[in-house]
Amino acid sequence: MEKKIRIFLKNYKKMRISLNELEKIFSGDITYETFAKEILKFEEKGILKEVKTHKRNNKPISLANSYTINKSFLREKQMDEIQRFQLQIHPKIQLQSYYSLAEVQWKNDFLYIEKINKYLKDKGLPNEEATSAERSFHLVGDEKWMDEKGGRKIIERLGIWQELKINNVPDPLMLAVNPTHFSKSKHMHLIVENKTTYYALLEVLQETNYTSLIYGAGWKIISGISMLEEQLSLHKKEHKLYYFGDLDFEGISIWNRLNEKRSIDLAIDFYRELLKKSYSKGKETQKKNEQALGNFLSFFNHKEQEQIKSLLEIRGYYPQEALTKEEVKSVWRKELWSQT
């Protein structure tokens, strides 16, 4: 009986409850005397506090006509769990806000709190700023979590928003231009994830039919891409973008997030050249995004898809740097990449 009353009170949405509402819990299944004795136990524990202005009934076992529910007493188990976990986690993570929140909120957030705690214990607090998509991917393996799935609220509850150095103000795009193409109505742009590949391709930009070569700098390209037309002063023109990044779970997720913001094809010939090379092993901590992987694989034929899936399943990967300077230059010079 006590458990049934406790569950009812825990789920009751209002802070004040009438005696008539309490009596409905059992709907005549028990005597008033038995019911009253149980309610008095809740009074003694401080879970139910009488509303004195509403007075008490005049029955032999007197009960208040209205009670205020002390929700915190109903969450003793939750309180103990939060207190124990607070002693185990990274010292910057603060859980005090969960003392006053519903139990369901604590349960829903707990999985993410564990992931954030593991990241901070393994990596420590970041020294450099990052976009919300980048930080979100590294914390919980989902680049949309912070902006679109309520992740920011959890971070703020934990009191670590500032410590995570999240910057959503776009950095200027880092790019090189081919000014001879500025007069054209259609413009092609190649985005490369890493600096080494960017500098290798920079040497042959003028030999291609591309208007710009963009250094993506990992996740920074997600917010920075919005600056493309503004920085080039090429508004009201047609733009076609291609992307070449590391062939690993993170590189795939970066492209996929970018492609959701605006249509960006894979620079497929670069990836095909990578697949001819010996792969590297490692990056076991990278998170797999099934949807991103599916979108990425759609650019390849069946044989290539199987090769990529097999590679990633054993935590193999191809960094862009697997291609030599001359190899990336040769790929970009191909006729396929020199046509609009």
C-alpha atoms as a PDB file:
ATOM      1  CA  MET A   1       0.000   0.000   0.000  1.00  0.00           C
ATOM      2  CA  GLU A   2       2.793   2.414   0.907  1.00  0.00           C
ATOM      3  CA  LYS A   3       4.507   1.739  -2.423  1.00  0.00           C
ATOM      4  CA  LYS A   4       1.283   2.442  -4.331  1.00  0.00           C
ATOM      5  CA  ILE A   5       0.819   5.784  -2.555  1.00  0.00           C
ATOM      6  CA  ARG A   6       4.471   6.708  -3.086  1.00  0.00           C
ATOM      7  CA  ILE A   7       4.310   6.009  -6.838  1.00  0.00           C
ATOM      8  CA  PHE A   8       1.074   7.976  -7.112  1.00  0.00           C
ATOM      9  CA  LEU A   9       2.559  10.996  -5.322  1.00  0.00           C
ATOM     10  CA  LYS A  10       5.780  10.849  -7.335  1.00  0.00           C
ATOM     11  CA  ASN A  11       3.849  10.985 -10.607  1.00  0.00           C
ATOM     12  CA  TYR A  12       1.270  13.516  -9.443  1.00  0.00           C
ATOM     13  CA  LYS A  13       1.950  16.675 -11.437  1.00  0.00           C
ATOM     14  CA  LYS A  14       0.740  19.256  -8.893  1.00  0.00           C
ATOM     15  CA  MET A  15       2.480  20.187  -5.657  1.00  0.00           C
ATOM     16  CA  ARG A  16      -0.805  20.307  -3.698  1.00  0.00           C
ATOM     17  CA  ILE A  17      -3.301  17.450  -3.413  1.00  0.00           C
ATOM     18  CA  SER A  18      -6.721  17.181  -1.737  1.00  0.00           C
ATOM     19  CA  LEU A  19      -7.749  14.381   0.588  1.00  0.00           C
ATOM     20  CA  ASN A  20     -10.460  13.439  -1.915  1.00  0.00           C
ATOM     21  CA  GLU A  21      -7.788  12.883  -4.588  1.00  0.00           C
ATOM     22  CA  LEU A  22      -5.799  10.679  -2.212  1.00  0.00           C
ATOM     23  CA  GLU A  23      -8.863   8.587  -1.419  1.00  0.00           C
ATOM     24  CA  LYS A  24      -9.298   7.850  -5.122  1.00  0.00           C
ATOM     25  CA  ILE A  25      -6.028   5.890  -5.141  1.00  0.00           C
ATOM     26  CA  PHE A  26      -7.817   2.889  -3.655  1.00  0.00           C
ATOM     27  CA  SER A  27     -11.424   3.513  -4.783  1.00  0.00           C
ATOM     28  CA  GLY A  28     -13.065   1.841  -1.756  1.00  0.00           C
ATOM     29  CA  ASP A  29     -10.797  -1.237  -1.761  1.00  0.00           C
ATOM     30  CA  ILE A  30      -9.762  -0.624   1.845  1.00  0.00           C
ATOM     31  CA  THR A  31     -11.293   0.802   5.012  1.00  0.00           C
ATOM     32  CA  TYR A  32     -10.881   4.439   5.969  1.00  0.00           C
ATOM     33  CA  GLU A  33      -8.976   3.426   9.096  1.00  0.00           C
ATOM     34  CA  THR A  34      -6.372   1.475   7.116  1.00  0.00           C
ATOM     35  CA  PHE A  35      -6.079   4.287   4.568  1.00  0.00           C
ATOM     36  CA  ALA A  36      -5.758   6.970   7.244  1.00  0.00           C
ATOM     37  CA  LYS A  37      -2.980   5.118   9.075  1.00  0.00           C
ATOM     38  CA  GLU A  38      -0.956   4.950   5.834  1.00  0.00           C
ATOM     39  CA  ILE A  39      -1.446   8.652   5.102  1.00  0.00           C
ATOM     40  CA  LEU A  40      -0.333   9.546   8.625  1.00  0.00           C
ATOM     41  CA  LYS A  41       2.928   7.674   7.952  1.00  0.00           C
ATOM     42  CA  PHE A  42       3.534  10.009   5.002  1.00  0.00           C
ATOM     43  CA  GLU A  43       2.772  12.984   7.252  1.00  0.00           C
ATOM     44  CA  GLU A  44       5.292  11.775   9.842  1.00  0.00           C
ATOM     45  CA  LYS A  45       7.981  11.345   7.178  1.00  0.00           C
ATOM     46  CA  GLY A  46       7.389  14.879   5.917  1.00  0.00           C
ATOM     47  CA  ILE A  47       6.331  13.707   2.466  1.00  0.00           C
ATOM     48  CA  LEU A  48       2.836  15.113   2.993  1.00  0.00           C
ATOM     49  CA  LYS A  49       2.516  18.419   4.827  1.00  0.00           C
ATOM     50  CA  GLU A  50      -0.944  19.624   5.809  1.00  0.00           C
ATOM     51  CA  VAL A  51      -2.313  22.880   4.392  1.00  0.00           C
ATOM     52  CA  LYS A  52      -3.427  24.356   7.717  1.00  0.00           C
ATOM     53  CA  THR A  53      -5.828  26.889   6.225  1.00  0.00           C
ATOM     54  CA  HIS A  54      -7.884  23.996   4.840  1.00  0.00           C
ATOM     55  CA  LYS A  55      -8.103  22.391   8.324  1.00  0.00           C
ATOM     56  CA  ARG A  56      -8.541  18.680   9.095  1.00  0.00           C
ATOM     57  CA  ASN A  57     -11.522  16.378   8.923  1.00  0.00           C
ATOM     58  CA  ASN A  58     -13.365  15.398  12.097  1.00  0.00           C
ATOM     59  CA  LYS A  59     -12.982  11.630  11.832  1.00  0.00           C
ATOM     60  CA  PRO A  60     -11.472   9.512  14.652  1.00  0.00           C
ATOM     61  CA  ILE A  61      -8.221   9.287  12.721  1.00  0.00           C
ATOM     62  CA  SER A  62      -7.942  12.880  11.593  1.00  0.00           C
ATOM     63  CA  LEU A  63      -6.428  13.748   8.218  1.00  0.00           C
ATOM     64  CA  ALA A  64      -5.851  17.126   6.578  1.00  0.00           C
ATOM     65  CA  ASN A  65      -8.289  18.161   3.898  1.00  0.00           C
ATOM     66  CA  SER A  66      -5.332  19.243   1.689  1.00  0.00           C
ATOM     67  CA  TYR A  67      -1.628  18.442   1.602  1.00  0.00           C
ATOM     68  CA  THR A  68       1.482  19.872   0.021  1.00  0.00           C
ATOM     69  CA  ILE A  69       3.663  17.143  -1.510  1.00  0.00           C
ATOM     70  CA  ASN A  70       7.363  17.341  -0.681  1.00  0.00           C
ATOM     71  CA  LYS A  71       8.687  15.819  -3.923  1.00  0.00           C
ATOM     72  CA  SER A  72      12.307  15.746  -2.751  1.00  0.00           C
ATOM     73  CA  PHE A  73      11.479  13.130  -0.082  1.00  0.00           C
ATOM     74  CA  LEU A  74      10.064  10.898  -2.815  1.00  0.00           C
ATOM     75  CA  ARG A  75      13.363  10.912  -4.658  1.00  0.00           C
ATOM     76  CA  GLU A  76      15.631   9.621  -1.902  1.00  0.00           C
ATOM     77  CA  LYS A  77      16.963   6.807  -4.090  1.00  0.00           C
ATOM     78  CA  GLN A  78      17.615   9.249  -6.938  1.00  0.00           C
ATOM     79  CA  MET A  79      19.339  11.681  -4.556  1.00  0.00           C
ATOM     80  CA  ASP A  80      21.632   8.948  -3.247  1.00  0.00           C
ATOM     81  CA  GLU A  81      22.452   7.816  -6.789  1.00  0.00           C
ATOM     82  CA  ILE A  82      23.308  11.370  -7.887  1.00  0.00           C
ATOM     83  CA  GLN A  83      25.467  11.958  -4.807  1.00  0.00           C
ATOM     84  CA  ARG A  84      27.399   8.711  -5.321  1.00  0.00           C
ATOM     85  CA  PHE A  85      27.961   9.439  -9.007  1.00  0.00           C
ATOM     86  CA  GLN A  86      29.103  13.003  -8.258  1.00  0.00           C
ATOM     87  CA  LEU A  87      32.024  11.563  -6.267  1.00  0.00           C
ATOM     88  CA  GLN A  88      33.147   9.440  -9.216  1.00  0.00           C
ATOM     89  CA  ILE A  89      32.952  11.835 -12.154  1.00  0.00           C
ATOM     90  CA  HIS A  90      35.181  14.591 -13.517  1.00  0.00           C
ATOM     91  CA  PRO A  91      35.289  17.436 -10.953  1.00  0.00           C
ATOM     92  CA  LYS A  92      34.069  20.039 -13.463  1.00  0.00           C
ATOM     93  CA  ILE A  93      30.772  18.203 -14.006  1.00  0.00           C
ATOM     94  CA  GLN A  94      28.170  19.393 -11.509  1.00  0.00           C
ATOM     95  CA  LEU A  95      24.957  17.431 -10.908  1.00  0.00           C
ATOM     96  CA  GLN A  96      23.160  19.706  -8.413  1.00  0.00           C
ATOM     97  CA  SER A  97      20.457  20.727 -10.899  1.00  0.00           C
ATOM     98  CA  TYR A  98      19.194  17.123 -11.019  1.00  0.00           C
ATOM     99  CA  TYR A  99      18.177  17.239  -7.338  1.00  0.00           C
ATOM    100  CA  SER A 100      15.205  19.405  -8.297  1.00  0.00           C
ATOM    101  CA  LEU A 101      14.403  17.750 -11.641  1.00  0.00           C
ATOM    102  CA  ALA A 102      12.102  14.817 -12.265  1.00  0.00           C
ATOM    103  CA  GLU A 103      13.507  11.306 -12.041  1.00  0.00           C
ATOM    104  CA  VAL A 104      12.791  10.739 -15.731  1.00  0.00           C
ATOM    105  CA  GLN A 105      15.065  13.666 -16.630  1.00  0.00           C
ATOM    106  CA  TRP A 106      17.936  12.136 -14.669  1.00  0.00           C
ATOM    107  CA  LYS A 107      17.401   8.765 -16.341  1.00  0.00           C
ATOM    108  CA  ASN A 108      17.171  10.290 -19.831  1.00  0.00           C
ATOM    109  CA  ASP A 109      20.331  12.349 -19.392  1.00  0.00           C
ATOM    110  CA  PHE A 110      22.422   9.742 -17.585  1.00  0.00           C
ATOM    111  CA  LEU A 111      23.718   7.976 -20.711  1.00  0.00           C
ATOM    112  CA  TYR A 112      25.026  11.272 -22.087  1.00  0.00           C
ATOM    113  CA  ILE A 113      26.502  12.296 -18.745  1.00  0.00           C
ATOM    114  CA  GLU A 114      28.465   9.029 -18.711  1.00  0.00           C
ATOM    115  CA  LYS A 115      29.801   9.676 -22.212  1.00  0.00           C
ATOM    116  CA  ILE A 116      30.779  13.251 -21.392  1.00  0.00           C
ATOM    117  CA  ASN A 117      32.456  12.104 -18.201  1.00  0.00           C
ATOM    118  CA  LYS A 118      34.470   9.454 -20.066  1.00  0.00           C
ATOM    119  CA  TYR A 119      35.585  11.995 -22.661  1.00  0.00           C
ATOM    120  CA  LEU A 120      36.725  14.507 -20.037  1.00  0.00           C
ATOM    121  CA  LYS A 121      38.526  11.855 -18.001  1.00  0.00           C
ATOM    122  CA  ASP A 122      40.290  10.493 -21.092  1.00  0.00           C
ATOM    123  CA  LYS A 123      41.009  13.762 -22.894  1.00  0.00           C
ATOM    124  CA  GLY A 124      40.659  16.485 -20.274  1.00  0.00           C
ATOM    125  CA  LEU A 125      39.116  19.883 -20.889  1.00  0.00           C
ATOM    126  CA  PRO A 126      39.775  21.187 -24.423  1.00  0.00           C
ATOM    127  CA  ASN A 127      42.412  23.850 -24.978  1.00  0.00           C
ATOM    128  CA  GLU A 128      41.036  25.114 -28.282  1.00  0.00           C
ATOM    129  CA  GLU A 129      37.641  26.264 -29.478  1.00  0.00           C
ATOM    130  CA  ALA A 130      35.512  23.979 -31.652  1.00  0.00           C
ATOM    131  CA  THR A 131      32.141  24.109 -33.370  1.00  0.00           C
ATOM    132  CA  SER A 132      29.155  22.588 -31.612  1.00  0.00           C
ATOM    133  CA  ALA A 133      29.055  19.832 -34.277  1.00  0.00           C
ATOM    134  CA  GLU A 134      32.686  18.876 -33.632  1.00  0.00           C
ATOM    135  CA  ARG A 135      32.414  18.947 -29.863  1.00  0.00           C
ATOM    136  CA  SER A 136      29.111  17.069 -30.020  1.00  0.00           C
ATOM    137  CA  PHE A 137      30.614  14.309 -32.198  1.00  0.00           C
ATOM    138  CA  HIS A 138      33.583  13.846 -29.875  1.00  0.00           C
ATOM    139  CA  LEU A 139      31.508  13.892 -26.686  1.00  0.00           C
ATOM    140  CA  VAL A 140      28.653  11.558 -27.615  1.00  0.00           C
ATOM    141  CA  GLY A 141      29.288  10.380 -31.187  1.00  0.00           C
ATOM    142  CA  ASP A 142      26.435  12.396 -32.713  1.00  0.00           C
ATOM    143  CA  GLU A 143      27.243  15.688 -34.410  1.00  0.00           C
ATOM    144  CA  LYS A 144      23.592  16.803 -34.251  1.00  0.00           C
ATOM    145  CA  TRP A 145      23.131  16.106 -30.550  1.00  0.00           C
ATOM    146  CA  MET A 146      24.104  19.511 -29.215  1.00  0.00           C
ATOM    147  CA  ASP A 147      22.203  21.728 -31.653  1.00  0.00           C
ATOM    148  CA  GLU A 148      19.199  19.617 -32.605  1.00  0.00           C
ATOM    149  CA  LYS A 149      18.634  16.975 -29.916  1.00  0.00           C
ATOM    150  CA  GLY A 150      18.763  18.896 -26.656  1.00  0.00           C
ATOM    151  CA  GLY A 151      22.448  18.389 -25.947  1.00  0.00           C
ATOM    152  CA  ARG A 152      23.106  22.046 -25.178  1.00  0.00           C
ATOM    153  CA  LYS A 153      20.592  21.973 -22.309  1.00  0.00           C
ATOM    154  CA  ILE A 154      22.358  18.986 -20.778  1.00  0.00           C
ATOM    155  CA  ILE A 155      25.760  20.662 -21.103  1.00  0.00           C
ATOM    156  CA  GLU A 156      24.365  23.779 -19.419  1.00  0.00           C
ATOM    157  CA  ARG A 157      22.809  21.695 -16.616  1.00  0.00           C
ATOM    158  CA  LEU A 158      26.234  20.183 -15.991  1.00  0.00           C
ATOM    159  CA  GLY A 159      27.770  23.664 -15.785  1.00  0.00           C
ATOM    160  CA  ILE A 160      30.491  23.040 -18.378  1.00  0.00           C
ATOM    161  CA  TRP A 161      29.378  25.031 -21.430  1.00  0.00           C
ATOM    162  CA  GLN A 162      32.168  27.581 -21.069  1.00  0.00           C
ATOM    163  CA  GLU A 163      34.782  24.939 -20.234  1.00  0.00           C
ATOM    164  CA  LEU A 164      34.043  23.056 -23.469  1.00  0.00           C
ATOM    165  CA  LYS A 165      34.998  26.135 -25.545  1.00  0.00           C
ATOM    166  CA  ILE A 166      32.142  25.813 -28.021  1.00  0.00           C
ATOM    167  CA  ASN A 167      32.130  28.521 -30.675  1.00  0.00           C
ATOM    168  CA  ASN A 168      29.295  28.784 -33.167  1.00  0.00           C
ATOM    169  CA  VAL A 169      30.478  32.047 -34.706  1.00  0.00           C
ATOM    170  CA  PRO A 170      31.843  30.978 -38.119  1.00  0.00           C
ATOM    171  CA  ASP A 171      35.533  31.458 -38.749  1.00  0.00           C
ATOM    172  CA  PRO A 172      36.431  32.989 -42.105  1.00  0.00           C
ATOM    173  CA  LEU A 173      36.948  30.363 -44.780  1.00  0.00           C
ATOM    174  CA  MET A 174      40.562  29.536 -45.471  1.00  0.00           C
ATOM    175  CA  LEU A 175      40.769  29.359 -49.243  1.00  0.00           C
ATOM    176  CA  ALA A 176      42.823  30.072 -52.323  1.00  0.00           C
ATOM    177  CA  VAL A 177      41.241  31.405 -55.490  1.00  0.00           C
ATOM    178  CA  ASN A 178      41.701  31.127 -59.226  1.00  0.00           C
ATOM    179  CA  PRO A 179      40.787  34.706 -60.248  1.00  0.00           C
ATOM    180  CA  THR A 180      40.691  33.891 -63.976  1.00  0.00           C
ATOM    181  CA  HIS A 181      37.337  32.139 -63.349  1.00  0.00           C
ATOM    182  CA  PHE A 182      35.605  34.983 -61.525  1.00  0.00           C
ATOM    183  CA  SER A 183      33.790  36.126 -64.657  1.00  0.00           C
ATOM    184  CA  LYS A 184      32.128  32.737 -65.180  1.00  0.00           C
ATOM    185  CA  SER A 185      28.496  32.074 -64.291  1.00  0.00           C
ATOM    186  CA  LYS A 186      29.276  28.614 -62.846  1.00  0.00           C
ATOM    187  CA  HIS A 187      31.914  27.978 -60.197  1.00  0.00           C
ATOM    188  CA  MET A 188      33.425  24.792 -58.814  1.00  0.00           C
ATOM    189  CA  HIS A 189      35.071  24.558 -55.398  1.00  0.00           C
ATOM    190  CA  LEU A 190      37.074  21.744 -53.812  1.00  0.00           C
ATOM    191  CA  ILE A 191      37.120  21.368 -50.029  1.00  0.00           C
ATOM    192  CA  VAL A 192      39.897  19.282 -48.482  1.00  0.00           C
ATOM    193  CA  GLU A 193      39.915  18.312 -44.834  1.00  0.00           C
ATOM    194  CA  ASN A 194      43.610  18.526 -44.035  1.00  0.00           C
ATOM    195  CA  LYS A 195      46.361  21.094 -44.406  1.00  0.00           C
ATOM    196  CA  THR A 196      48.939  18.854 -46.108  1.00  0.00           C
ATOM    197  CA  THR A 197      46.572  18.030 -48.970  1.00  0.00           C
ATOM    198  CA  TYR A 198      45.534  21.669 -49.258  1.00  0.00           C
ATOM    199  CA  TYR A 199      49.119  22.841 -49.808  1.00  0.00           C
ATOM    200  CA  ALA A 200      49.828  20.052 -52.286  1.00  0.00           C
ATOM    201  CA  LEU A 201      46.806  20.956 -54.410  1.00  0.00           C
ATOM    202  CA  LEU A 202      47.435  24.670 -54.113  1.00  0.00           C
ATOM    203  CA  GLU A 203      50.352  24.282 -56.536  1.00  0.00           C
ATOM    204  CA  VAL A 204      48.036  23.190 -59.354  1.00  0.00           C
ATOM    205  CA  LEU A 205      44.892  25.235 -58.629  1.00  0.00           C
ATOM    206  CA  GLN A 206      45.596  27.508 -61.594  1.00  0.00           C
ATOM    207  CA  GLU A 207      45.741  24.456 -63.905  1.00  0.00           C
ATOM    208  CA  THR A 208      42.196  23.396 -63.012  1.00  0.00           C
ATOM    209  CA  ASN A 209      38.797  24.777 -63.835  1.00  0.00           C
ATOM    210  CA  TYR A 210      38.042  25.382 -60.161  1.00  0.00           C
ATOM    211  CA  THR A 211      37.378  28.821 -58.762  1.00  0.00           C
ATOM    212  CA  SER A 212      38.627  27.997 -55.275  1.00  0.00           C
ATOM    213  CA  LEU A 213      40.434  25.461 -53.138  1.00  0.00           C
ATOM    214  CA  ILE A 214      39.144  25.454 -49.550  1.00  0.00           C
ATOM    215  CA  TYR A 215      40.937  24.200 -46.450  1.00  0.00           C
ATOM    216  CA  GLY A 216      38.172  22.619 -44.370  1.00  0.00           C
ATOM    217  CA  ALA A 217      40.185  22.341 -41.129  1.00  0.00           C
ATOM    218  CA  GLY A 218      38.145  19.396 -39.922  1.00  0.00           C
ATOM    219  CA  TRP A 219      34.842  20.401 -38.357  1.00  0.00           C
ATOM    220  CA  LYS A 220      35.393  24.144 -38.786  1.00  0.00           C
ATOM    221  CA  ILE A 221      34.088  23.936 -42.344  1.00  0.00           C
ATOM    222  CA  ILE A 222      30.582  23.195 -41.004  1.00  0.00           C
ATOM    223  CA  SER A 223      30.018  26.777 -39.883  1.00  0.00           C
ATOM    224  CA  GLY A 224      32.537  28.392 -42.231  1.00  0.00           C
ATOM    225  CA  ILE A 225      30.951  27.233 -45.480  1.00  0.00           C
ATOM    226  CA  SER A 226      28.217  29.852 -45.072  1.00  0.00           C
ATOM    227  CA  MET A 227      30.862  32.484 -45.814  1.00  0.00           C
ATOM    228  CA  LEU A 228      31.797  31.180 -49.293  1.00  0.00           C
ATOM    229  CA  GLU A 229      29.788  33.498 -51.547  1.00  0.00           C
ATOM    230  CA  GLU A 230      30.347  36.446 -49.227  1.00  0.00           C
ATOM    231  CA  GLN A 231      34.117  36.113 -49.190  1.00  0.00           C
ATOM    232  CA  LEU A 232      34.351  35.603 -52.957  1.00  0.00           C
ATOM    233  CA  SER A 233      31.763  38.298 -53.742  1.00  0.00           C
ATOM    234  CA  LEU A 234      30.154  35.803 -56.098  1.00  0.00           C
ATOM    235  CA  HIS A 235      26.504  36.141 -55.195  1.00  0.00           C
ATOM    236  CA  LYS A 236      23.762  35.052 -57.581  1.00  0.00           C
ATOM    237  CA  LYS A 237      26.132  32.660 -59.337  1.00  0.00           C
ATOM    238  CA  GLU A 238      25.898  28.865 -59.616  1.00  0.00           C
ATOM    239  CA  HIS A 239      28.241  26.991 -57.299  1.00  0.00           C
ATOM    240  CA  LYS A 240      29.180  23.309 -57.277  1.00  0.00           C
ATOM    241  CA  LEU A 241      31.128  21.980 -54.278  1.00  0.00           C
ATOM    242  CA  TYR A 242      33.170  18.808 -53.870  1.00  0.00           C
ATOM    243  CA  TYR A 243      34.670  17.365 -50.700  1.00  0.00           C
ATOM    244  CA  PHE A 244      37.712  15.204 -50.005  1.00  0.00           C
ATOM    245  CA  GLY A 245      38.481  14.148 -46.432  1.00  0.00           C
ATOM    246  CA  ASP A 246      39.962  11.300 -44.461  1.00  0.00           C
ATOM    247  CA  LEU A 247      38.261   7.991 -45.154  1.00  0.00           C
ATOM    248  CA  ASP A 248      37.300   7.229 -41.559  1.00  0.00           C
ATOM    249  CA  PHE A 249      34.172   7.570 -39.427  1.00  0.00           C
ATOM    250  CA  GLU A 250      34.920  11.146 -38.459  1.00  0.00           C
ATOM    251  CA  GLY A 251      35.769  12.286 -41.981  1.00  0.00           C
ATOM    252  CA  ILE A 252      32.541  10.691 -43.206  1.00  0.00           C
ATOM    253  CA  SER A 253      30.525  12.421 -40.481  1.00  0.00           C
ATOM    254  CA  ILE A 254      32.071  15.804 -41.289  1.00  0.00           C
ATOM    255  CA  TRP A 255      31.121  15.458 -44.961  1.00  0.00           C
ATOM    256  CA  ASN A 256      27.610  14.248 -44.109  1.00  0.00           C
ATOM    257  CA  ARG A 257      26.924  17.148 -41.750  1.00  0.00           C
ATOM    258  CA  LEU A 258      28.265  19.560 -44.345  1.00  0.00           C
ATOM    259  CA  ASN A 259      26.127  17.973 -47.058  1.00  0.00           C
ATOM    260  CA  GLU A 260      23.043  18.511 -44.903  1.00  0.00           C
ATOM    261  CA  LYS A 261      23.725  22.239 -44.880  1.00  0.00           C
ATOM    262  CA  ARG A 262      24.188  22.464 -48.640  1.00  0.00           C
ATOM    263  CA  SER A 263      24.617  19.937 -51.443  1.00  0.00           C
ATOM    264  CA  ILE A 264      28.249  18.818 -51.598  1.00  0.00           C
ATOM    265  CA  ASP A 265      29.393  15.828 -53.645  1.00  0.00           C
ATOM    266  CA  LEU A 266      32.330  13.628 -52.839  1.00  0.00           C
ATOM    267  CA  ALA A 267      35.453  14.235 -54.890  1.00  0.00           C
ATOM    268  CA  ILE A 268      35.160  10.584 -55.775  1.00  0.00           C
ATOM    269  CA  ASP A 269      38.380  10.154 -57.775  1.00  0.00           C
ATOM    270  CA  PHE A 270      40.502  11.050 -54.750  1.00  0.00           C
ATOM    271  CA  TYR A 271      38.767   8.419 -52.628  1.00  0.00           C
ATOM    272  CA  ARG A 272      39.145   5.809 -55.360  1.00  0.00           C
ATOM    273  CA  GLU A 273      42.848   6.529 -55.457  1.00  0.00           C
ATOM    274  CA  LEU A 274      42.982   6.027 -51.688  1.00  0.00           C
ATOM    275  CA  LEU A 275      41.341   2.616 -51.998  1.00  0.00           C
ATOM    276  CA  LYS A 276      44.316   1.427 -54.040  1.00  0.00           C
ATOM    277  CA  LYS A 277      46.632   2.036 -51.083  1.00  0.00           C
ATOM    278  CA  SER A 278      47.428   0.081 -47.944  1.00  0.00           C
ATOM    279  CA  TYR A 279      45.186   1.213 -45.112  1.00  0.00           C
ATOM    280  CA  SER A 280      46.204   2.275 -41.622  1.00  0.00           C
ATOM    281  CA  LYS A 281      44.857   0.915 -38.309  1.00  0.00           C
ATOM    282  CA  GLY A 282      43.656   2.820 -35.272  1.00  0.00           C
ATOM    283  CA  LYS A 283      41.125   5.493 -34.325  1.00  0.00           C
ATOM    284  CA  GLU A 284      39.200   2.942 -32.247  1.00  0.00           C
ATOM    285  CA  THR A 285      37.415   5.687 -30.321  1.00  0.00           C
ATOM    286  CA  GLN A 286      35.720   7.214 -33.375  1.00  0.00           C
ATOM    287  CA  LYS A 287      31.943   6.891 -33.396  1.00  0.00           C
ATOM    288  CA  LYS A 288      30.057   5.284 -36.270  1.00  0.00           C
ATOM    289  CA  ASN A 289      27.127   7.194 -37.766  1.00  0.00           C
ATOM    290  CA  GLU A 290      25.080   4.675 -39.768  1.00  0.00           C
ATOM    291  CA  GLN A 291      23.131   7.281 -41.704  1.00  0.00           C
ATOM    292  CA  ALA A 292      26.266   9.226 -42.598  1.00  0.00           C
ATOM    293  CA  LEU A 293      27.988   6.035 -43.741  1.00  0.00           C
ATOM    294  CA  GLY A 294      25.020   5.063 -45.903  1.00  0.00           C
ATOM    295  CA  ASN A 295      24.954   8.483 -47.560  1.00  0.00           C
ATOM    296  CA  PHE A 296      28.697   8.321 -48.146  1.00  0.00           C
ATOM    297  CA  LEU A 297      28.646   4.825 -49.657  1.00  0.00           C
ATOM    298  CA  SER A 298      25.949   5.797 -52.159  1.00  0.00           C
ATOM    299  CA  PHE A 299      28.638   7.534 -54.252  1.00  0.00           C
ATOM    300  CA  PHE A 300      30.546   4.259 -54.805  1.00  0.00           C
ATOM    301  CA  ASN A 301      29.911   1.094 -56.801  1.00  0.00           C
ATOM    302  CA  HIS A 302      29.062  -2.156 -55.019  1.00  0.00           C
ATOM    303  CA  LYS A 303      32.621  -3.497 -54.934  1.00  0.00           C
ATOM    304  CA  GLU A 304      33.944  -0.233 -53.491  1.00  0.00           C
ATOM    305  CA  GLN A 305      31.152  -0.144 -50.920  1.00  0.00           C
ATOM    306  CA  GLU A 306      32.057  -3.600 -49.659  1.00  0.00           C
ATOM    307  CA  GLN A 307      35.725  -2.660 -49.484  1.00  0.00           C
ATOM    308  CA  ILE A 308      34.983   0.465 -47.438  1.00  0.00           C
ATOM    309  CA  LYS A 309      32.596  -1.332 -45.074  1.00  0.00           C
ATOM    310  CA  SER A 310      35.088  -4.134 -44.482  1.00  0.00           C
ATOM    311  CA  LEU A 311      37.835  -1.606 -43.869  1.00  0.00           C
ATOM    312  CA  LEU A 312      35.851   0.354 -41.298  1.00  0.00           C
ATOM    313  CA  GLU A 313      34.605  -2.756 -39.496  1.00  0.00           C
ATOM    314  CA  ILE A 314      38.187  -3.652 -38.566  1.00  0.00           C
ATOM    315  CA  ARG A 315      38.893  -0.013 -37.629  1.00  0.00           C
ATOM    316  CA  GLY A 316      41.026   0.558 -40.669  1.00  0.00           C
ATOM    317  CA  TYR A 317      41.127   3.983 -42.277  1.00  0.00           C
ATOM    318  CA  TYR A 318      42.776   6.058 -44.991  1.00  0.00           C
ATOM    319  CA  PRO A 319      44.171   9.468 -44.085  1.00  0.00           C
ATOM    320  CA  GLN A 320      44.306  11.931 -46.964  1.00  0.00           C
ATOM    321  CA  GLU A 321      48.065  11.889 -46.549  1.00  0.00           C
ATOM    322  CA  ALA A 322      48.128   8.294 -47.834  1.00  0.00           C
ATOM    323  CA  LEU A 323      48.271   9.943 -51.264  1.00  0.00           C
ATOM    324  CA  THR A 324      51.566  11.578 -52.109  1.00  0.00           C
ATOM    325  CA  LYS A 325      51.817  15.167 -53.198  1.00  0.00           C
ATOM    326  CA  GLU A 326      52.250  14.145 -56.825  1.00  0.00           C
ATOM    327  CA  GLU A 327      49.355  11.694 -56.666  1.00  0.00           C
ATOM    328  CA  VAL A 328      46.809  14.244 -55.431  1.00  0.00           C
ATOM    329  CA  LYS A 329      48.033  16.745 -58.001  1.00  0.00           C
ATOM    330  CA  SER A 330      47.682  14.138 -60.756  1.00  0.00           C
ATOM    331  CA  VAL A 331      44.119  13.264 -59.733  1.00  0.00           C
ATOM    332  CA  TRP A 332      43.065  16.900 -59.789  1.00  0.00           C
ATOM    333  CA  ARG A 333      44.551  17.450 -63.205  1.00  0.00           C
ATOM    334  CA  LYS A 334      42.356  14.722 -64.692  1.00  0.00           C
ATOM    335  CA  GLU A 335      39.858  15.773 -67.328  1.00  0.00           C
ATOM    336  CA  LEU A 336      36.979  14.703 -65.043  1.00  0.00           C
ATOM    337  CA  TRP A 337      37.872  17.451 -62.616  1.00  0.00           C
ATOM    338  CA  SER A 338      38.581  20.136 -65.161  1.00  0.00           C
ATOM    339  CA  GLN A 339      35.057  20.313 -66.585  1.00  0.00           C
ATOM    340  CA  THR A 340      32.114  22.297 -65.306  1.00  0.00           C
END
